[in-house]
Structures are given as structure tokens and as C-alpha cells.
Amino acid sequence: MSKFLFSEFEETSPSAWKQKIQVDLKGADYNDTLLYTTKEGITVKPFYTKEDRTNLKVAATQKASYNICQTILIVDDKEANNLAIDALKEELIQFNLLLTKNLITKQY
């Protein structure tokens, strides 16, 4: 943030914030009341400071249990085929083909 925008405010230390929060909690435990852990193992705190940004650790996450799907509207069979091929080249795992008219003709 720009110092110009907030130059009229005093910088507050993390310990000062925590002390103020402890007073507002009226005896409730800080960790039990305000900290929680996500399914990914990330502890979420009620406030963050610039010191928190210095030791960032990226948690390894599980592989997604879902597939990204693209719907291809079939108006022209050749164009739909090209779109499907492009989707496969982009490593798309699933796509739906939506037929808008009867493109199948029987020849006897």
C-alpha cells in the first residue's frame, strides 16, 4: 500500500493487534475462537501483516476430484470435429457434443 494514503495513521505491531483482540474476546481463547484450519491444512488467522508474507509455504494439495467439461454445439460436423480435436490438444478430459439438428443422412 502507498505510504501516502495512510501516512496519517500510526503503524500497529502484530502484538498490539493481538492484545486488542484478547481484550475484545473477554477471556475466550484466541486460538480456539479465531484460528481455523482448512481442509488443505492452511491455518486462517483473523489478521495478517507484512511479516506473514515473508515465509509463505505453499501446501501440496490433492489432485482434483473433478473434470473440466466443455460443451461443443454441433451445427456443422466438420467444425465440431475441429473443436473436439482442439479440446483434446488442450488436454481437456471431458466434452459434451450437443447436436442441434439431424446431421445423419442415410444413403441407400
PDB file of N, CA and C in Angstrom:
ATOM      1  N   MET A   1       0.832  -1.180   0.000  1.00  0.00           N
ATOM      2  CA  MET A   1       0.000   0.000   0.000  1.00  0.00           C
ATOM      3  C   MET A   1       0.881   1.249   0.000  1.00  0.00           C
ATOM      4  N   SER A   2       0.359   2.275  -0.523  1.00  0.00           N
ATOM      5  CA  SER A   2       1.112   3.511  -0.614  1.00  0.00           C
ATOM      6  C   SER A   2       1.207   4.187   0.755  1.00  0.00           C
ATOM      7  N   LYS A   3       2.389   4.629   1.118  1.00  0.00           N
ATOM      8  CA  LYS A   3       2.582   5.361   2.368  1.00  0.00           C
ATOM      9  C   LYS A   3       1.801   6.673   2.337  1.00  0.00           C
ATOM     10  N   PHE A   4       1.633   7.221   1.148  1.00  0.00           N
ATOM     11  CA  PHE A   4       0.934   8.493   1.001  1.00  0.00           C
ATOM     12  C   PHE A   4      -0.509   8.381   1.481  1.00  0.00           C
ATOM     13  N   LEU A   5      -1.183   7.309   1.149  1.00  0.00           N
ATOM     14  CA  LEU A   5      -2.586   7.154   1.520  1.00  0.00           C
ATOM     15  C   LEU A   5      -2.772   6.997   3.031  1.00  0.00           C
ATOM     16  N   PHE A   6      -1.833   6.335   3.685  1.00  0.00           N
ATOM     17  CA  PHE A   6      -2.018   6.020   5.081  1.00  0.00           C
ATOM     18  C   PHE A   6      -0.994   6.682   5.987  1.00  0.00           C
ATOM     19  N   SER A   7      -0.386   7.745   5.540  1.00  0.00           N
ATOM     20  CA  SER A   7       0.658   8.394   6.341  1.00  0.00           C
ATOM     21  C   SER A   7       0.100   9.000   7.622  1.00  0.00           C
ATOM     22  N   GLU A   8      -1.189   9.269   7.680  1.00  0.00           N
ATOM     23  CA  GLU A   8      -1.761   9.872   8.885  1.00  0.00           C
ATOM     24  C   GLU A   8      -2.035   8.843   9.986  1.00  0.00           C
ATOM     25  N   PHE A   9      -1.924   7.557   9.675  1.00  0.00           N
ATOM     26  CA  PHE A   9      -2.164   6.504  10.656  1.00  0.00           C
ATOM     27  C   PHE A   9      -0.840   5.965  11.181  1.00  0.00           C
ATOM     28  N   GLU A  10      -0.835   5.635  12.466  1.00  0.00           N
ATOM     29  CA  GLU A  10       0.356   5.025  13.046  1.00  0.00           C
ATOM     30  C   GLU A  10       0.380   3.539  12.687  1.00  0.00           C
ATOM     31  N   GLU A  11       1.593   3.024  12.486  1.00  0.00           N
ATOM     32  CA  GLU A  11       1.732   1.589  12.217  1.00  0.00           C
ATOM     33  C   GLU A  11       1.503   0.839  13.526  1.00  0.00           C
ATOM     34  N   THR A  12       0.755  -0.257  13.442  1.00  0.00           N
ATOM     35  CA  THR A  12       0.441  -1.059  14.623  1.00  0.00           C
ATOM     36  C   THR A  12       1.139  -2.404  14.512  1.00  0.00           C
ATOM     37  N   SER A  13       1.788  -2.825  15.587  1.00  0.00           N
ATOM     38  CA  SER A  13       2.503  -4.099  15.583  1.00  0.00           C
ATOM     39  C   SER A  13       1.514  -5.256  15.723  1.00  0.00           C
ATOM     40  N   PRO A  14       1.923  -6.454  15.258  1.00  0.00           N
ATOM     41  CA  PRO A  14       1.062  -7.626  15.415  1.00  0.00           C
ATOM     42  C   PRO A  14       0.715  -7.913  16.882  1.00  0.00           C
ATOM     43  N   SER A  15       1.660  -7.688  17.789  1.00  0.00           N
ATOM     44  CA  SER A  15       1.376  -7.943  19.205  1.00  0.00           C
ATOM     45  C   SER A  15       0.326  -6.965  19.744  1.00  0.00           C
ATOM     46  N   ALA A  16       0.338  -5.721  19.265  1.00  0.00           N
ATOM     47  CA  ALA A  16      -0.679  -4.753  19.682  1.00  0.00           C
ATOM     48  C   ALA A  16      -2.061  -5.174  19.178  1.00  0.00           C
ATOM     49  N   TRP A  17      -2.125  -5.659  17.956  1.00  0.00           N
ATOM     50  CA  TRP A  17      -3.397  -6.164  17.421  1.00  0.00           C
ATOM     51  C   TRP A  17      -3.890  -7.333  18.266  1.00  0.00           C
ATOM     52  N   LYS A  18      -2.987  -8.253  18.568  1.00  0.00           N
ATOM     53  CA  LYS A  18      -3.368  -9.441  19.328  1.00  0.00           C
ATOM     54  C   LYS A  18      -3.841  -9.055  20.733  1.00  0.00           C
ATOM     55  N   GLN A  19      -3.189  -8.091  21.360  1.00  0.00           N
ATOM     56  CA  GLN A  19      -3.618  -7.625  22.683  1.00  0.00           C
ATOM     57  C   GLN A  19      -5.023  -7.042  22.622  1.00  0.00           C
ATOM     58  N   LYS A  20      -5.298  -6.243  21.593  1.00  0.00           N
ATOM     59  CA  LYS A  20      -6.627  -5.648  21.431  1.00  0.00           C
ATOM     60  C   LYS A  20      -7.676  -6.747  21.219  1.00  0.00           C
ATOM     61  N   ILE A  21      -7.337  -7.747  20.437  1.00  0.00           N
ATOM     62  CA  ILE A  21      -8.251  -8.854  20.183  1.00  0.00           C
ATOM     63  C   ILE A  21      -8.518  -9.623  21.475  1.00  0.00           C
ATOM     64  N   GLN A  22      -7.458  -9.857  22.287  1.00  0.00           N
ATOM     65  CA  GLN A  22      -7.622 -10.577  23.556  1.00  0.00           C
ATOM     66  C   GLN A  22      -8.605  -9.837  24.465  1.00  0.00           C
ATOM     67  N   VAL A  23      -8.511  -8.528  24.494  1.00  0.00           N
ATOM     68  CA  VAL A  23      -9.436  -7.723  25.312  1.00  0.00           C
ATOM     69  C   VAL A  23     -10.855  -7.894  24.780  1.00  0.00           C
ATOM     70  N   ASP A  24     -11.017  -7.806  23.459  1.00  0.00           N
ATOM     71  CA  ASP A  24     -12.349  -7.927  22.862  1.00  0.00           C
ATOM     72  C   ASP A  24     -12.954  -9.318  23.035  1.00  0.00           C
ATOM     73  N   LEU A  25     -12.102 -10.345  23.163  1.00  0.00           N
ATOM     74  CA  LEU A  25     -12.599 -11.717  23.342  1.00  0.00           C
ATOM     75  C   LEU A  25     -13.116 -11.971  24.761  1.00  0.00           C
ATOM     76  N   LYS A  26     -12.809 -11.087  25.674  1.00  0.00           N
ATOM     77  CA  LYS A  26     -13.300 -11.169  27.061  1.00  0.00           C
ATOM     78  C   LYS A  26     -13.030 -12.536  27.687  1.00  0.00           C
ATOM     79  N   GLY A  27     -11.786 -12.990  27.576  1.00  0.00           N
ATOM     80  CA  GLY A  27     -11.382 -14.226  28.230  1.00  0.00           C
ATOM     81  C   GLY A  27     -11.440 -15.464  27.353  1.00  0.00           C
ATOM     82  N   ALA A  28     -12.099 -15.408  26.219  1.00  0.00           N
ATOM     83  CA  ALA A  28     -12.140 -16.570  25.320  1.00  0.00           C
ATOM     84  C   ALA A  28     -10.757 -16.796  24.723  1.00  0.00           C
ATOM     85  N   ASP A  29     -10.429 -18.050  24.461  1.00  0.00           N
ATOM     86  CA  ASP A  29      -9.104 -18.384  23.931  1.00  0.00           C
ATOM     87  C   ASP A  29      -8.967 -17.906  22.482  1.00  0.00           C
ATOM     88  N   TYR A  30      -7.888 -17.174  22.220  1.00  0.00           N
ATOM     89  CA  TYR A  30      -7.624 -16.625  20.875  1.00  0.00           C
ATOM     90  C   TYR A  30      -7.553 -17.728  19.833  1.00  0.00           C
ATOM     91  N   ASN A  31      -6.727 -18.763  20.098  1.00  0.00           N
ATOM     92  CA  ASN A  31      -6.522 -19.835  19.117  1.00  0.00           C
ATOM     93  C   ASN A  31      -7.805 -20.621  18.863  1.00  0.00           C
ATOM     94  N   ASP A  32      -8.526 -20.983  19.921  1.00  0.00           N
ATOM     95  CA  ASP A  32      -9.748 -21.775  19.761  1.00  0.00           C
ATOM     96  C   ASP A  32     -10.870 -20.978  19.105  1.00  0.00           C
ATOM     97  N   THR A  33     -10.916 -19.683  19.364  1.00  0.00           N
ATOM     98  CA  THR A  33     -12.017 -18.854  18.884  1.00  0.00           C
ATOM     99  C   THR A  33     -11.809 -18.339  17.465  1.00  0.00           C
ATOM    100  N   LEU A  34     -10.595 -17.919  17.129  1.00  0.00           N
ATOM    101  CA  LEU A  34     -10.395 -17.195  15.878  1.00  0.00           C
ATOM    102  C   LEU A  34      -9.572 -17.916  14.812  1.00  0.00           C
ATOM    103  N   LEU A  35      -8.795 -18.913  15.198  1.00  0.00           N
ATOM    104  CA  LEU A  35      -7.990 -19.627  14.199  1.00  0.00           C
ATOM    105  C   LEU A  35      -8.745 -20.873  13.756  1.00  0.00           C
ATOM    106  N   TYR A  36      -8.688 -21.153  12.467  1.00  0.00           N
ATOM    107  CA  TYR A  36      -9.228 -22.420  11.991  1.00  0.00           C
ATOM    108  C   TYR A  36      -8.362 -22.929  10.848  1.00  0.00           C
ATOM    109  N   THR A  37      -8.453 -24.225  10.609  1.00  0.00           N
ATOM    110  CA  THR A  37      -7.637 -24.861   9.583  1.00  0.00           C
ATOM    111  C   THR A  37      -8.536 -25.374   8.472  1.00  0.00           C
ATOM    112  N   THR A  38      -8.171 -25.049   7.238  1.00  0.00           N
ATOM    113  CA  THR A  38      -8.945 -25.503   6.075  1.00  0.00           C
ATOM    114  C   THR A  38      -8.645 -26.968   5.796  1.00  0.00           C
ATOM    115  N   LYS A  39      -9.411 -27.568   4.896  1.00  0.00           N
ATOM    116  CA  LYS A  39      -9.179 -28.962   4.514  1.00  0.00           C
ATOM    117  C   LYS A  39      -7.792 -29.155   3.920  1.00  0.00           C
ATOM    118  N   GLU A  40      -7.226 -28.088   3.356  1.00  0.00           N
ATOM    119  CA  GLU A  40      -5.907 -28.161   2.740  1.00  0.00           C
ATOM    120  C   GLU A  40      -4.790 -27.994   3.762  1.00  0.00           C
ATOM    121  N   GLY A  41      -5.137 -27.808   5.025  1.00  0.00           N
ATOM    122  CA  GLY A  41      -4.129 -27.673   6.070  1.00  0.00           C
ATOM    123  C   GLY A  41      -3.627 -26.254   6.271  1.00  0.00           C
ATOM    124  N   ILE A  42      -4.345 -25.270   5.776  1.00  0.00           N
ATOM    125  CA  ILE A  42      -3.940 -23.868   5.909  1.00  0.00           C
ATOM    126  C   ILE A  42      -4.629 -23.276   7.132  1.00  0.00           C
ATOM    127  N   THR A  43      -3.852 -22.741   8.055  1.00  0.00           N
ATOM    128  CA  THR A  43      -4.418 -22.086   9.229  1.00  0.00           C
ATOM    129  C   THR A  43      -4.778 -20.651   8.860  1.00  0.00           C
ATOM    130  N   VAL A  44      -6.047 -20.309   9.040  1.00  0.00           N
ATOM    131  CA  VAL A  44      -6.545 -18.974   8.709  1.00  0.00           C
ATOM    132  C   VAL A  44      -6.594 -18.156   9.995  1.00  0.00           C
ATOM    133  N   LYS A  45      -5.962 -16.989   9.943  1.00  0.00           N
ATOM    134  CA  LYS A  45      -5.875 -16.110  11.098  1.00  0.00           C
ATOM    135  C   LYS A  45      -6.827 -14.931  10.923  1.00  0.00           C
ATOM    136  N   PRO A  46      -7.157 -14.234  12.017  1.00  0.00           N
ATOM    137  CA  PRO A  46      -8.083 -13.099  11.901  1.00  0.00           C
ATOM    138  C   PRO A  46      -7.460 -11.852  11.272  1.00  0.00           C
ATOM    139  N   PHE A  47      -6.134 -11.787  11.242  1.00  0.00           N
ATOM    140  CA  PHE A  47      -5.464 -10.659  10.586  1.00  0.00           C
ATOM    141  C   PHE A  47      -4.090 -11.111  10.112  1.00  0.00           C
ATOM    142  N   TYR A  48      -3.569 -10.398   9.147  1.00  0.00           N
ATOM    143  CA  TYR A  48      -2.248 -10.694   8.591  1.00  0.00           C
ATOM    144  C   TYR A  48      -1.447  -9.406   8.503  1.00  0.00           C
ATOM    145  N   THR A  49      -0.141  -9.540   8.607  1.00  0.00           N
ATOM    146  CA  THR A  49       0.751  -8.394   8.495  1.00  0.00           C
ATOM    147  C   THR A  49       1.791  -8.679   7.418  1.00  0.00           C
ATOM    148  N   LYS A  50       2.620  -7.698   7.123  1.00  0.00           N
ATOM    149  CA  LYS A  50       3.642  -7.912   6.100  1.00  0.00           C
ATOM    150  C   LYS A  50       4.631  -8.990   6.507  1.00  0.00           C
ATOM    151  N   GLU A  51       4.800  -9.231   7.810  1.00  0.00           N
ATOM    152  CA  GLU A  51       5.690 -10.297   8.274  1.00  0.00           C
ATOM    153  C   GLU A  51       5.170 -11.675   7.836  1.00  0.00           C
ATOM    154  N   ASP A  52       3.859 -11.815   7.723  1.00  0.00           N
ATOM    155  CA  ASP A  52       3.271 -13.091   7.301  1.00  0.00           C
ATOM    156  C   ASP A  52       3.609 -13.423   5.856  1.00  0.00           C
ATOM    157  N   ARG A  53       3.919 -12.423   5.065  1.00  0.00           N
ATOM    158  CA  ARG A  53       4.211 -12.657   3.648  1.00  0.00           C
ATOM    159  C   ARG A  53       5.641 -13.118   3.404  1.00  0.00           C
ATOM    160  N   THR A  54       6.500 -13.033   4.399  1.00  0.00           N
ATOM    161  CA  THR A  54       7.898 -13.365   4.168  1.00  0.00           C
ATOM    162  C   THR A  54       8.157 -14.865   4.167  1.00  0.00           C
ATOM    163  N   ASN A  55       7.375 -15.640   4.881  1.00  0.00           N
ATOM    164  CA  ASN A  55       7.608 -17.079   4.981  1.00  0.00           C
ATOM    165  C   ASN A  55       6.437 -17.872   4.406  1.00  0.00           C
ATOM    166  N   LEU A  56       6.071 -17.569   3.195  1.00  0.00           N
ATOM    167  CA  LEU A  56       4.946 -18.270   2.575  1.00  0.00           C
ATOM    168  C   LEU A  56       5.334 -19.695   2.244  1.00  0.00           C
ATOM    169  N   LYS A  57       4.490 -20.625   2.615  1.00  0.00           N
ATOM    170  CA  LYS A  57       4.681 -22.024   2.268  1.00  0.00           C
ATOM    171  C   LYS A  57       3.440 -22.473   1.517  1.00  0.00           C
ATOM    172  N   VAL A  58       3.649 -23.012   0.341  1.00  0.00           N
ATOM    173  CA  VAL A  58       2.534 -23.488  -0.456  1.00  0.00           C
ATOM    174  C   VAL A  58       2.294 -24.942  -0.097  1.00  0.00           C
ATOM    175  N   ALA A  59       1.100 -25.233   0.364  1.00  0.00           N
ATOM    176  CA  ALA A  59       0.764 -26.599   0.758  1.00  0.00           C
ATOM    177  C   ALA A  59       0.488 -27.436  -0.481  1.00  0.00           C
ATOM    178  N   ALA A  60       0.955 -28.670  -0.441  1.00  0.00           N
ATOM    179  CA  ALA A  60       0.657 -29.602  -1.528  1.00  0.00           C
ATOM    180  C   ALA A  60      -0.804 -29.998  -1.411  1.00  0.00           C
ATOM    181  N   THR A  61      -1.520 -29.883  -2.494  1.00  0.00           N
ATOM    182  CA  THR A  61      -2.941 -30.218  -2.474  1.00  0.00           C
ATOM    183  C   THR A  61      -3.176 -31.524  -3.200  1.00  0.00           C
ATOM    184  N   GLN A  62      -4.297 -32.132  -2.892  1.00  0.00           N
ATOM    185  CA  GLN A  62      -4.652 -33.372  -3.551  1.00  0.00           C
ATOM    186  C   GLN A  62      -5.069 -33.073  -4.987  1.00  0.00           C
ATOM    187  N   LYS A  63      -4.929 -34.102  -5.832  1.00  0.00           N
ATOM    188  CA  LYS A  63      -5.359 -33.955  -7.217  1.00  0.00           C
ATOM    189  C   LYS A  63      -6.867 -33.722  -7.238  1.00  0.00           C
ATOM    190  N   ALA A  64      -7.297 -32.849  -8.105  1.00  0.00           N
ATOM    191  CA  ALA A  64      -8.715 -32.515  -8.191  1.00  0.00           C
ATOM    192  C   ALA A  64      -9.546 -33.758  -8.475  1.00  0.00           C
ATOM    193  N   SER A  65     -10.678 -33.846  -7.807  1.00  0.00           N
ATOM    194  CA  SER A  65     -11.555 -34.991  -7.992  1.00  0.00           C
ATOM    195  C   SER A  65     -12.703 -34.646  -8.944  1.00  0.00           C
ATOM    196  N   TYR A  66     -12.456 -33.764  -9.865  1.00  0.00           N
ATOM    197  CA  TYR A  66     -13.469 -33.374 -10.820  1.00  0.00           C
ATOM    198  C   TYR A  66     -12.823 -33.205 -12.192  1.00  0.00           C
ATOM    199  N   ASN A  67     -13.639 -33.203 -13.203  1.00  0.00           N
ATOM    200  CA  ASN A  67     -13.158 -32.979 -14.562  1.00  0.00           C
ATOM    201  C   ASN A  67     -13.755 -31.684 -15.087  1.00  0.00           C
ATOM    202  N   ILE A  68     -12.986 -30.980 -15.884  1.00  0.00           N
ATOM    203  CA  ILE A  68     -13.493 -29.788 -16.544  1.00  0.00           C
ATOM    204  C   ILE A  68     -14.113 -30.237 -17.857  1.00  0.00           C
ATOM    205  N   CYS A  69     -15.333 -29.815 -18.071  1.00  0.00           N
ATOM    206  CA  CYS A  69     -16.079 -30.260 -19.242  1.00  0.00           C
ATOM    207  C   CYS A  69     -16.401 -29.064 -20.131  1.00  0.00           C
ATOM    208  N   GLN A  70     -16.314 -29.277 -21.437  1.00  0.00           N
ATOM    209  CA  GLN A  70     -16.669 -28.243 -22.402  1.00  0.00           C
ATOM    210  C   GLN A  70     -17.782 -28.791 -23.288  1.00  0.00           C
ATOM    211  N   THR A  71     -18.789 -27.983 -23.529  1.00  0.00           N
ATOM    212  CA  THR A  71     -19.875 -28.382 -24.418  1.00  0.00           C
ATOM    213  C   THR A  71     -19.591 -27.836 -25.811  1.00  0.00           C
ATOM    214  N   ILE A  72     -19.677 -28.717 -26.792  1.00  0.00           N
ATOM    215  CA  ILE A  72     -19.458 -28.326 -28.184  1.00  0.00           C
ATOM    216  C   ILE A  72     -20.808 -28.427 -28.905  1.00  0.00           C
ATOM    217  N   LEU A  73     -21.275 -27.312 -29.394  1.00  0.00           N
ATOM    218  CA  LEU A  73     -22.539 -27.244 -30.114  1.00  0.00           C
ATOM    219  C   LEU A  73     -22.294 -27.649 -31.565  1.00  0.00           C
ATOM    220  N   ILE A  74     -22.951 -28.709 -31.995  1.00  0.00           N
ATOM    221  CA  ILE A  74     -22.728 -29.214 -33.352  1.00  0.00           C
ATOM    222  C   ILE A  74     -23.728 -28.558 -34.298  1.00  0.00           C
ATOM    223  N   VAL A  75     -23.226 -27.611 -35.063  1.00  0.00           N
ATOM    224  CA  VAL A  75     -24.014 -27.003 -36.133  1.00  0.00           C
ATOM    225  C   VAL A  75     -23.481 -27.531 -37.461  1.00  0.00           C
ATOM    226  N   ASP A  76     -22.199 -27.615 -37.541  1.00  0.00           N
ATOM    227  CA  ASP A  76     -21.519 -28.152 -38.711  1.00  0.00           C
ATOM    228  C   ASP A  76     -20.603 -29.270 -38.220  1.00  0.00           C
ATOM    229  N   ASP A  77     -20.711 -30.445 -38.817  1.00  0.00           N
ATOM    230  CA  ASP A  77     -19.959 -31.596 -38.309  1.00  0.00           C
ATOM    231  C   ASP A  77     -18.447 -31.412 -38.404  1.00  0.00           C
ATOM    232  N   LYS A  78     -17.956 -30.785 -39.454  1.00  0.00           N
ATOM    233  CA  LYS A  78     -16.513 -30.585 -39.594  1.00  0.00           C
ATOM    234  C   LYS A  78     -15.988 -29.587 -38.564  1.00  0.00           C
ATOM    235  N   GLU A  79     -16.746 -28.524 -38.338  1.00  0.00           N
ATOM    236  CA  GLU A  79     -16.333 -27.534 -37.344  1.00  0.00           C
ATOM    237  C   GLU A  79     -16.347 -28.152 -35.939  1.00  0.00           C
ATOM    238  N   ALA A  80     -17.371 -28.946 -35.646  1.00  0.00           N
ATOM    239  CA  ALA A  80     -17.458 -29.611 -34.338  1.00  0.00           C
ATOM    240  C   ALA A  80     -16.294 -30.572 -34.147  1.00  0.00           C
ATOM    241  N   ASN A  81     -15.929 -31.285 -35.201  1.00  0.00           N
ATOM    242  CA  ASN A  81     -14.793 -32.198 -35.128  1.00  0.00           C
ATOM    243  C   ASN A  81     -13.511 -31.431 -34.830  1.00  0.00           C
ATOM    244  N   ASN A  82     -13.304 -30.296 -35.488  1.00  0.00           N
ATOM    245  CA  ASN A  82     -12.113 -29.477 -35.239  1.00  0.00           C
ATOM    246  C   ASN A  82     -12.093 -28.941 -33.802  1.00  0.00           C
ATOM    247  N   LEU A  83     -13.265 -28.541 -33.289  1.00  0.00           N
ATOM    248  CA  LEU A  83     -13.341 -28.050 -31.914  1.00  0.00           C
ATOM    249  C   LEU A  83     -13.017 -29.168 -30.923  1.00  0.00           C
ATOM    250  N   ALA A  84     -13.502 -30.384 -31.208  1.00  0.00           N
ATOM    251  CA  ALA A  84     -13.211 -31.526 -30.339  1.00  0.00           C
ATOM    252  C   ALA A  84     -11.717 -31.850 -30.359  1.00  0.00           C
ATOM    253  N   ILE A  85     -11.116 -31.824 -31.518  1.00  0.00           N
ATOM    254  CA  ILE A  85      -9.672 -32.083 -31.621  1.00  0.00           C
ATOM    255  C   ILE A  85      -8.886 -31.025 -30.861  1.00  0.00           C
ATOM    256  N   ASP A  86      -9.276 -29.756 -31.002  1.00  0.00           N
ATOM    257  CA  ASP A  86      -8.605 -28.682 -30.257  1.00  0.00           C
ATOM    258  C   ASP A  86      -8.745 -28.880 -28.750  1.00  0.00           C
ATOM    259  N   ALA A  87      -9.930 -29.312 -28.312  1.00  0.00           N
ATOM    260  CA  ALA A  87     -10.158 -29.541 -26.887  1.00  0.00           C
ATOM    261  C   ALA A  87      -9.238 -30.651 -26.380  1.00  0.00           C
ATOM    262  N   LEU A  88      -9.079 -31.704 -27.156  1.00  0.00           N
ATOM    263  CA  LEU A  88      -8.198 -32.800 -26.754  1.00  0.00           C
ATOM    264  C   LEU A  88      -6.733 -32.366 -26.726  1.00  0.00           C
ATOM    265  N   LYS A  89      -6.355 -31.499 -27.651  1.00  0.00           N
ATOM    266  CA  LYS A  89      -4.983 -30.980 -27.654  1.00  0.00           C
ATOM    267  C   LYS A  89      -4.707 -30.144 -26.417  1.00  0.00           C
ATOM    268  N   GLU A  90      -5.744 -29.489 -25.877  1.00  0.00           N
ATOM    269  CA  GLU A  90      -5.605 -28.675 -24.675  1.00  0.00           C
ATOM    270  C   GLU A  90      -5.722 -29.523 -23.408  1.00  0.00           C
ATOM    271  N   GLU A  91      -5.699 -30.850 -23.596  1.00  0.00           N
ATOM    272  CA  GLU A  91      -5.757 -31.815 -22.502  1.00  0.00           C
ATOM    273  C   GLU A  91      -7.064 -31.755 -21.730  1.00  0.00           C
ATOM    274  N   LEU A  92      -8.127 -31.364 -22.415  1.00  0.00           N
ATOM    275  CA  LEU A  92      -9.447 -31.393 -21.812  1.00  0.00           C
ATOM    276  C   LEU A  92      -9.854 -32.850 -21.648  1.00  0.00           C
ATOM    277  N   ILE A  93     -10.327 -33.220 -20.490  1.00  0.00           N
ATOM    278  CA  ILE A  93     -10.630 -34.614 -20.214  1.00  0.00           C
ATOM    279  C   ILE A  93     -12.025 -35.008 -20.690  1.00  0.00           C
ATOM    280  N   GLN A  94     -12.947 -34.086 -20.667  1.00  0.00           N
ATOM    281  CA  GLN A  94     -14.327 -34.430 -20.987  1.00  0.00           C
ATOM    282  C   GLN A  94     -14.952 -33.318 -21.812  1.00  0.00           C
ATOM    283  N   PHE A  95     -15.740 -33.712 -22.824  1.00  0.00           N
ATOM    284  CA  PHE A  95     -16.547 -32.727 -23.520  1.00  0.00           C
ATOM    285  C   PHE A  95     -17.860 -33.372 -23.949  1.00  0.00           C
ATOM    286  N   ASN A  96     -18.874 -32.544 -24.029  1.00  0.00           N
ATOM    287  CA  ASN A  96     -20.196 -32.982 -24.465  1.00  0.00           C
ATOM    288  C   ASN A  96     -20.439 -32.459 -25.865  1.00  0.00           C
ATOM    289  N   LEU A  97     -20.984 -33.306 -26.710  1.00  0.00           N
ATOM    290  CA  LEU A  97     -21.361 -32.891 -28.055  1.00  0.00           C
ATOM    291  C   LEU A  97     -22.872 -32.696 -28.065  1.00  0.00           C
ATOM    292  N   LEU A  98     -23.308 -31.500 -28.390  1.00  0.00           N
ATOM    293  CA  LEU A  98     -24.731 -31.174 -28.391  1.00  0.00           C
ATOM    294  C   LEU A  98     -25.189 -31.009 -29.829  1.00  0.00           C
ATOM    295  N   LEU A  99     -26.017 -31.932 -30.274  1.00  0.00           N
ATOM    296  CA  LEU A  99     -26.496 -31.952 -31.649  1.00  0.00           C
ATOM    297  C   LEU A  99     -27.686 -31.009 -31.784  1.00  0.00           C
ATOM    298  N   THR A 100     -27.602 -30.060 -32.726  1.00  0.00           N
ATOM    299  CA  THR A 100     -28.683 -29.079 -32.890  1.00  0.00           C
ATOM    300  C   THR A 100     -29.666 -29.468 -33.984  1.00  0.00           C
ATOM    301  N   LYS A 101     -29.244 -30.320 -34.892  1.00  0.00           N
ATOM    302  CA  LYS A 101     -30.153 -30.774 -35.949  1.00  0.00           C
ATOM    303  C   LYS A 101     -29.679 -32.142 -36.401  1.00  0.00           C
ATOM    304  N   ASN A 102     -30.481 -32.808 -37.158  1.00  0.00           N
ATOM    305  CA  ASN A 102     -30.152 -34.138 -37.633  1.00  0.00           C
ATOM    306  C   ASN A 102     -29.135 -34.036 -38.758  1.00  0.00           C
ATOM    307  N   LEU A 103     -27.879 -34.354 -38.446  1.00  0.00           N
ATOM    308  CA  LEU A 103     -26.828 -34.296 -39.449  1.00  0.00           C
ATOM    309  C   LEU A 103     -26.573 -35.659 -40.085  1.00  0.00           C
ATOM    310  N   ILE A 104     -27.254 -36.680 -39.558  1.00  0.00           N
ATOM    311  CA  ILE A 104     -27.042 -38.025 -40.061  1.00  0.00           C
ATOM    312  C   ILE A 104     -28.027 -38.269 -41.201  1.00  0.00           C
ATOM    313  N   THR A 105     -27.484 -38.580 -42.342  1.00  0.00           N
ATOM    314  CA  THR A 105     -28.321 -38.891 -43.505  1.00  0.00           C
ATOM    315  C   THR A 105     -28.010 -40.305 -43.963  1.00  0.00           C
ATOM    316  N   LYS A 106     -29.040 -41.043 -44.259  1.00  0.00           N
ATOM    317  CA  LYS A 106     -28.854 -42.409 -44.723  1.00  0.00           C
ATOM    318  C   LYS A 106     -28.901 -42.418 -46.249  1.00  0.00           C
ATOM    319  N   GLN A 107     -27.964 -43.089 -46.820  1.00  0.00           N
ATOM    320  CA  GLN A 107     -27.958 -43.246 -48.263  1.00  0.00           C
ATOM    321  C   GLN A 107     -28.142 -44.727 -48.577  1.00  0.00           C
ATOM    322  N   TYR A 108     -29.117 -45.050 -49.423  1.00  0.00           N
ATOM    323  CA  TYR A 108     -29.370 -46.442 -49.807  1.00  0.00           C
ATOM    324  C   TYR A 108     -29.002 -46.680 -51.229  1.00  0.00           C
TER     325      TYR A 108
END
